[in-house]
Amino acid sequence: MTRFFLVACCALFITSMTSSDAKAAYDVVAGKKVYETTCAACHKGGLLGAPKLGDKAAWAPRLTQGLDVLVSKSIKGFQGKTGTMPARGGDAKLTDAQVGNSVDYLIEQSK
């Protein structure tokens, strides 16, 4: 029984360490590169109603949605009240991870 208890505790600990915390899965440094080559086209100047990089007021309501939602909308595309987010920033070649990296970079620069 003691061995079972220890194995169960270890499994629970490992599971808690590998939870669905998407934050740990993204690379802000790689995200900066994607931002500069793709995302800046809109997010630097606010094209299509995009919130500008570093504009805390514009990003504040978006940040309340959470990273996972923002990444999902960035991958799939989104039409909001104040603007449009083309799927994958208009670059169909970007992977989900690259989009996530760039969203994480944008968020980190806009908190």
Protein backbone atom coordinates (compact mmCIF):
# COMPACT_ATOMS: atom_id res chain seq x y z
CA MET A 1 0.00 0.00 0.00
CA THR A 2 2.84 2.39 0.85
CA ARG A 3 4.52 1.77 -2.51
CA PHE A 4 1.22 2.48 -4.31
CA PHE A 5 0.79 5.69 -2.32
CA LEU A 6 4.31 6.87 -3.22
CA VAL A 7 3.80 6.08 -6.91
CA ALA A 8 0.47 7.91 -6.88
CA CYS A 9 2.04 10.96 -5.23
CA CYS A 10 4.87 11.00 -7.75
CA ALA A 11 2.42 10.74 -10.63
CA LEU A 12 0.34 13.57 -9.20
CA PHE A 13 3.44 15.73 -8.78
CA ILE A 14 4.61 15.09 -12.34
CA THR A 15 1.15 15.80 -13.70
CA SER A 16 1.00 19.09 -11.82
CA MET A 17 4.39 20.09 -13.24
CA THR A 18 3.25 19.38 -16.81
CA SER A 19 -0.11 21.09 -16.60
CA SER A 20 -1.62 22.99 -19.50
CA ASP A 21 0.22 26.16 -18.60
CA ALA A 22 0.82 27.40 -22.16
CA LYS A 23 3.09 30.17 -20.92
CA ALA A 24 5.95 27.74 -20.44
CA ALA A 25 5.56 26.43 -23.98
CA TYR A 26 6.33 29.70 -25.78
CA ASP A 27 9.66 31.34 -26.57
CA VAL A 28 9.58 35.14 -26.34
CA VAL A 29 12.96 35.52 -28.08
CA ALA A 30 11.74 33.50 -31.08
CA GLY A 31 8.47 35.44 -30.88
CA LYS A 32 10.32 38.72 -31.34
CA LYS A 33 11.70 37.47 -34.66
CA VAL A 34 8.23 36.45 -35.87
CA TYR A 35 6.84 39.79 -34.70
CA GLU A 36 9.49 41.70 -36.63
CA THR A 37 9.00 39.73 -39.86
CA THR A 38 5.21 39.33 -39.85
CA CYS A 39 3.26 40.90 -37.00
CA ALA A 40 4.84 44.35 -37.06
CA ALA A 41 3.15 45.02 -40.39
CA CYS A 42 -0.07 45.64 -38.44
CA HIS A 43 0.90 45.88 -34.77
CA LYS A 44 3.56 48.56 -35.22
CA GLY A 45 1.17 51.16 -36.63
CA GLY A 46 -2.26 49.82 -35.71
CA LEU A 47 -3.27 48.67 -39.21
CA LEU A 48 -6.70 46.98 -39.35
CA GLY A 49 -7.32 48.11 -35.77
CA ALA A 50 -4.45 46.00 -34.38
CA PRO A 51 -3.39 46.98 -30.87
CA LYS A 52 0.08 48.52 -31.11
CA LEU A 53 3.05 46.84 -29.47
CA GLY A 54 3.48 48.34 -26.00
CA ASP A 55 0.07 50.10 -25.91
CA LYS A 56 -0.99 49.02 -22.43
CA ALA A 57 -4.46 50.56 -22.66
CA ALA A 58 -5.26 48.80 -25.93
CA TRP A 59 -3.93 45.47 -24.70
CA ALA A 60 -5.50 45.54 -21.21
CA PRO A 61 -8.95 44.17 -22.20
CA ARG A 62 -7.35 41.58 -24.44
CA LEU A 63 -5.00 40.35 -21.72
CA THR A 64 -7.98 39.46 -19.52
CA GLN A 65 -8.89 36.77 -22.08
CA GLY A 66 -5.69 34.88 -21.34
CA LEU A 67 -2.81 33.69 -23.47
CA ASP A 68 -4.54 30.55 -24.76
CA VAL A 69 -7.52 32.51 -26.14
CA LEU A 70 -5.31 35.14 -27.76
CA VAL A 71 -3.15 32.49 -29.39
CA SER A 72 -6.22 30.61 -30.64
CA LYS A 73 -7.70 33.77 -32.15
CA SER A 74 -4.36 34.59 -33.75
CA ILE A 75 -4.12 31.14 -35.31
CA LYS A 76 -7.72 30.98 -36.55
CA GLY A 77 -8.25 34.67 -37.25
CA PHE A 78 -10.74 36.95 -35.57
CA GLN A 79 -13.11 39.78 -36.43
CA GLY A 80 -13.63 42.00 -33.40
CA LYS A 81 -15.50 45.24 -32.73
CA THR A 82 -12.35 47.31 -33.12
CA GLY A 83 -10.37 45.40 -35.71
CA THR A 84 -9.44 42.30 -37.64
CA MET A 85 -6.83 39.65 -36.91
CA PRO A 86 -6.06 37.65 -40.05
CA ALA A 87 -5.39 33.95 -39.46
CA ARG A 88 -1.71 33.45 -38.65
CA GLY A 89 -1.14 37.16 -39.16
CA GLY A 90 -1.67 36.67 -42.86
CA ASP A 91 1.26 34.26 -43.17
CA ALA A 92 -0.12 30.74 -43.69
CA LYS A 93 3.40 29.31 -43.36
CA LEU A 94 3.63 30.16 -39.64
CA THR A 95 3.27 27.20 -37.31
CA ASP A 96 1.03 27.24 -34.25
CA ALA A 97 4.17 27.48 -32.09
CA GLN A 98 5.48 30.48 -34.04
CA VAL A 99 2.16 32.26 -33.68
CA GLY A 100 2.14 31.46 -29.96
CA ASN A 101 5.68 32.76 -29.60
CA SER A 102 4.79 36.04 -31.27
CA VAL A 103 1.61 36.49 -29.21
CA ASP A 104 3.59 35.87 -26.04
CA TYR A 105 6.16 38.44 -27.18
CA LEU A 106 3.44 41.01 -27.91
CA ILE A 107 1.87 40.42 -24.50
CA GLU A 108 5.18 40.68 -22.65
CA GLN A 109 5.90 44.01 -24.34
CA SER A 110 2.40 45.35 -23.65
CA LYS A 111 1.78 44.59 -19.96
